[in-house]
Protein backbone atom coordinates (compact mmCIF):
# COMPACT_ATOMS: atom_id res chain seq x y z
CA MET A 1 122.99 111.64 62.85
CA ALA A 2 123.15 114.19 65.40
CA ASN A 3 119.61 115.37 65.27
CA THR A 4 117.59 112.95 67.29
CA ALA A 5 114.08 115.62 67.21
CA ILE A 6 111.05 114.66 65.81
CA PRO A 7 110.08 116.91 63.41
CA ASN A 8 107.03 119.47 63.80
CA ARG A 9 106.88 117.99 67.02
CA PRO A 10 106.45 120.53 70.25
CA GLU A 11 108.55 119.45 73.22
CA ALA A 12 106.26 119.13 76.30
CA PRO A 13 107.36 121.34 79.49
CA ALA A 14 109.18 120.09 81.99
CA GLY A 15 106.87 118.13 84.43
CA ALA A 16 103.42 118.69 81.94
CA GLY A 17 101.09 115.93 82.70
CA VAL A 18 102.68 114.85 85.56
CA SER A 19 99.60 116.63 88.07
CA ALA A 20 96.91 115.02 86.47
CA ALA A 21 99.13 111.62 85.74
CA GLY A 22 100.43 111.61 89.53
CA PRO A 23 104.26 110.88 90.52
CA ALA A 24 106.79 111.55 87.53
CA ALA A 25 106.87 108.93 85.02
CA GLY A 26 108.93 105.90 85.71
CA GLU A 27 109.20 106.48 89.77
CA ALA A 28 108.87 103.34 91.30
CA PRO A 29 105.51 102.74 93.82
CA ALA A 30 106.20 102.37 97.15
CA SER A 31 104.59 99.23 97.09
CA TYR A 32 101.91 96.68 95.13
CA GLU A 33 99.06 98.34 97.26
CA ALA A 34 99.92 101.85 95.88
CA ALA A 35 100.40 100.86 92.55
CA VAL A 36 97.00 99.56 92.72
CA ALA A 37 95.41 102.36 94.22
CA GLU A 38 97.19 104.89 91.96
CA LEU A 39 96.18 102.81 89.10
CA GLU A 40 92.90 102.76 90.12
CA GLY A 41 92.87 106.63 90.76
CA LEU A 42 94.50 107.18 86.66
CA VAL A 43 91.52 104.93 85.53
CA ALA A 44 89.01 106.94 87.47
CA LYS A 45 90.54 110.47 85.86
CA MET A 46 90.48 109.11 82.60
CA GLU A 47 87.06 107.60 82.49
CA GLY A 48 85.68 111.05 83.84
CA GLY A 49 87.00 112.66 80.39
CA ALA A 50 88.04 115.84 82.11
CA LEU A 51 91.93 115.38 80.96
CA SER A 52 93.24 116.88 78.54
CA LEU A 53 94.40 114.59 75.25
CA GLU A 54 98.12 115.33 76.63
CA ASP A 55 97.77 114.64 80.23
CA SER A 56 95.19 111.56 78.82
CA LEU A 57 98.91 110.14 77.09
CA SER A 58 100.96 110.83 80.40
CA ALA A 59 98.21 108.91 82.37
CA TYR A 60 98.28 106.08 79.87
CA ARG A 61 101.97 106.30 80.06
CA ARG A 62 101.68 106.18 83.73
CA GLY A 63 99.41 103.29 83.83
CA SER A 64 100.97 101.13 81.35
CA GLN A 65 104.22 101.53 83.79
CA LEU A 66 102.25 100.38 86.76
CA VAL A 67 100.88 97.73 84.95
CA SER A 68 104.25 96.44 84.41
CA TYR A 69 105.39 96.94 88.05
CA CYS A 70 102.41 95.13 89.69
CA GLN A 71 102.95 92.43 87.08
CA GLN A 72 106.18 91.62 88.56
CA GLN A 73 105.83 92.13 91.72
CA LEU A 74 102.78 88.90 91.38
CA GLU A 75 105.72 86.87 89.50
CA LYS A 76 107.79 87.78 92.74
CA VAL A 77 105.86 86.61 95.25
CA GLU A 78 104.38 83.52 92.56
CA GLN A 79 107.83 82.52 92.54
CA GLN A 80 108.33 82.80 96.05
CA VAL A 81 105.11 80.71 96.75
CA ARG A 82 106.23 77.92 94.48
CA VAL A 83 109.63 77.68 96.64
CA LEU A 84 107.50 77.88 99.47
CA ASP A 85 105.19 75.07 98.45
CA GLY A 86 108.48 72.95 97.30
CA GLU A 87 110.05 73.15 100.72
CA VAL A 88 106.75 72.65 102.50
CA LEU A 89 105.83 69.68 100.70
CA LYS A 90 108.21 68.08 100.40
CA PRO A 91 107.59 64.10 101.89
CA LEU A 92 108.21 63.68 105.61
CA ALA A 93 111.29 61.45 106.20
CA THR A 94 109.81 58.34 107.64
CA ASP A 95 112.35 55.53 109.79
CA GLU A 96 111.27 53.02 106.86
CA ASP A 97 113.26 55.72 104.73
CA ASP A 98 116.57 55.49 106.97
CA ALA A 99 116.76 51.69 106.79
């Protein structure tokens, strides 16, 4: 199966939709806050209705990536909090425990 292209589907030019949707798809955000800000911008553009169909699709894809990134970051932080809570909330050793 050498040809993996989908028939009757025009290929988008390189960089198509990137300007309307923000950074290139797959590019990791600098931080959780940057991802949320970019996601909010994408939502505003999409709700504004000024994007073409292709740009809307690109924005949706990027938004899905950003949501996934944010979920992963929140899970990491939640795990770190669990570890910290486990260390902080350990009962303190008393003199009676040593006897």
